[in-house]
Amino acid sequence: MSIITLLTIRSLNLFTVAQFLSQVWMLRISLLIKLQLFSLAESECQAFGSMDTPDLYFEYYFDQFPGKRG
């Protein structure tokens, strides 16, 4: 199933899509490191910045995680 297909399925919520995409990026960066392509892996990581964006916090998905903080 492609990413485009996943994004077009109406039953998926924002959290599910974000979780899937973060797993894809983690796999990609892990493989680059395993292949010893360190500079490419580093440049891929720089796209995420400081990893301090609202969508990485429980509060952003208040319907999925009611009452959770962090």
Protein backbone atom coordinates (compact mmCIF):
# COMPACT_ATOMS: atom_id res chain seq x y z
CA MET A 1 0.00 0.00 0.00
CA SER A 2 1.50 3.33 -1.01
CA ILE A 3 1.64 6.48 1.07
CA ILE A 4 -0.75 8.17 -1.37
CA THR A 5 -3.28 5.39 -0.81
CA LEU A 6 -2.94 5.75 2.95
CA LEU A 7 -3.48 9.48 2.77
CA THR A 8 -6.63 9.11 0.68
CA ILE A 9 -8.38 6.62 2.95
CA ARG A 10 -10.99 8.66 4.79
CA SER A 11 -11.12 6.44 7.88
CA LEU A 12 -7.56 7.32 8.90
CA ASN A 13 -7.10 10.15 11.34
CA LEU A 14 -4.27 12.64 11.54
CA PHE A 15 -2.49 10.72 14.30
CA THR A 16 -2.42 7.48 12.28
CA VAL A 17 -0.94 9.21 9.24
CA ALA A 18 1.65 11.09 11.33
CA GLN A 19 2.63 7.89 13.11
CA PHE A 20 3.06 6.02 9.81
CA LEU A 21 5.13 8.79 8.25
CA SER A 22 7.40 9.06 11.29
CA GLN A 23 8.02 5.30 11.11
CA VAL A 24 8.92 5.62 7.41
CA TRP A 25 11.41 8.41 8.18
CA MET A 26 12.91 6.45 11.07
CA LEU A 27 13.40 3.45 8.80
CA ARG A 28 14.95 5.61 6.08
CA ILE A 29 17.42 7.27 8.45
CA SER A 30 18.27 3.93 10.10
CA LEU A 31 19.05 2.39 6.72
CA LEU A 32 21.24 5.32 5.73
CA ILE A 33 23.22 4.89 8.95
CA LYS A 34 23.45 1.12 8.42
CA LEU A 35 24.83 1.79 4.93
CA GLN A 36 27.33 4.21 6.52
CA LEU A 37 25.94 7.16 4.57
CA PHE A 38 26.36 9.38 7.61
CA SER A 39 26.41 12.77 5.89
CA LEU A 40 23.22 11.95 4.01
CA ALA A 41 21.57 10.69 7.21
CA GLU A 42 22.61 13.87 9.00
CA SER A 43 21.15 16.07 6.28
CA GLU A 44 17.90 14.08 6.42
CA CYS A 45 17.75 14.63 10.20
CA GLN A 46 18.29 18.36 9.82
CA ALA A 47 14.92 18.59 8.05
CA PHE A 48 13.27 17.81 11.40
CA GLY A 49 14.96 20.71 13.17
CA SER A 50 14.89 20.56 16.95
CA MET A 51 12.00 18.03 17.02
CA ASP A 52 10.03 20.54 19.08
CA THR A 53 6.91 20.97 16.95
CA PRO A 54 3.35 20.82 18.30
CA ASP A 55 2.44 17.63 16.41
CA LEU A 56 5.00 15.68 18.44
CA TYR A 57 3.17 16.28 21.72
CA PHE A 58 0.23 14.37 23.19
CA GLU A 59 -1.71 17.62 23.56
CA TYR A 60 -1.86 17.98 19.76
CA TYR A 61 -3.86 14.72 19.61
CA PHE A 62 -6.14 15.46 22.56
CA ASP A 63 -8.88 13.17 21.22
CA GLN A 64 -6.46 10.22 21.00
CA PHE A 65 -4.73 10.86 24.34
CA PRO A 66 -7.16 12.64 26.68
CA GLY A 67 -5.44 14.06 29.75
CA LYS A 68 -1.90 13.11 28.67
CA ARG A 69 0.84 15.71 28.59
CA GLY A 70 4.24 15.69 27.01
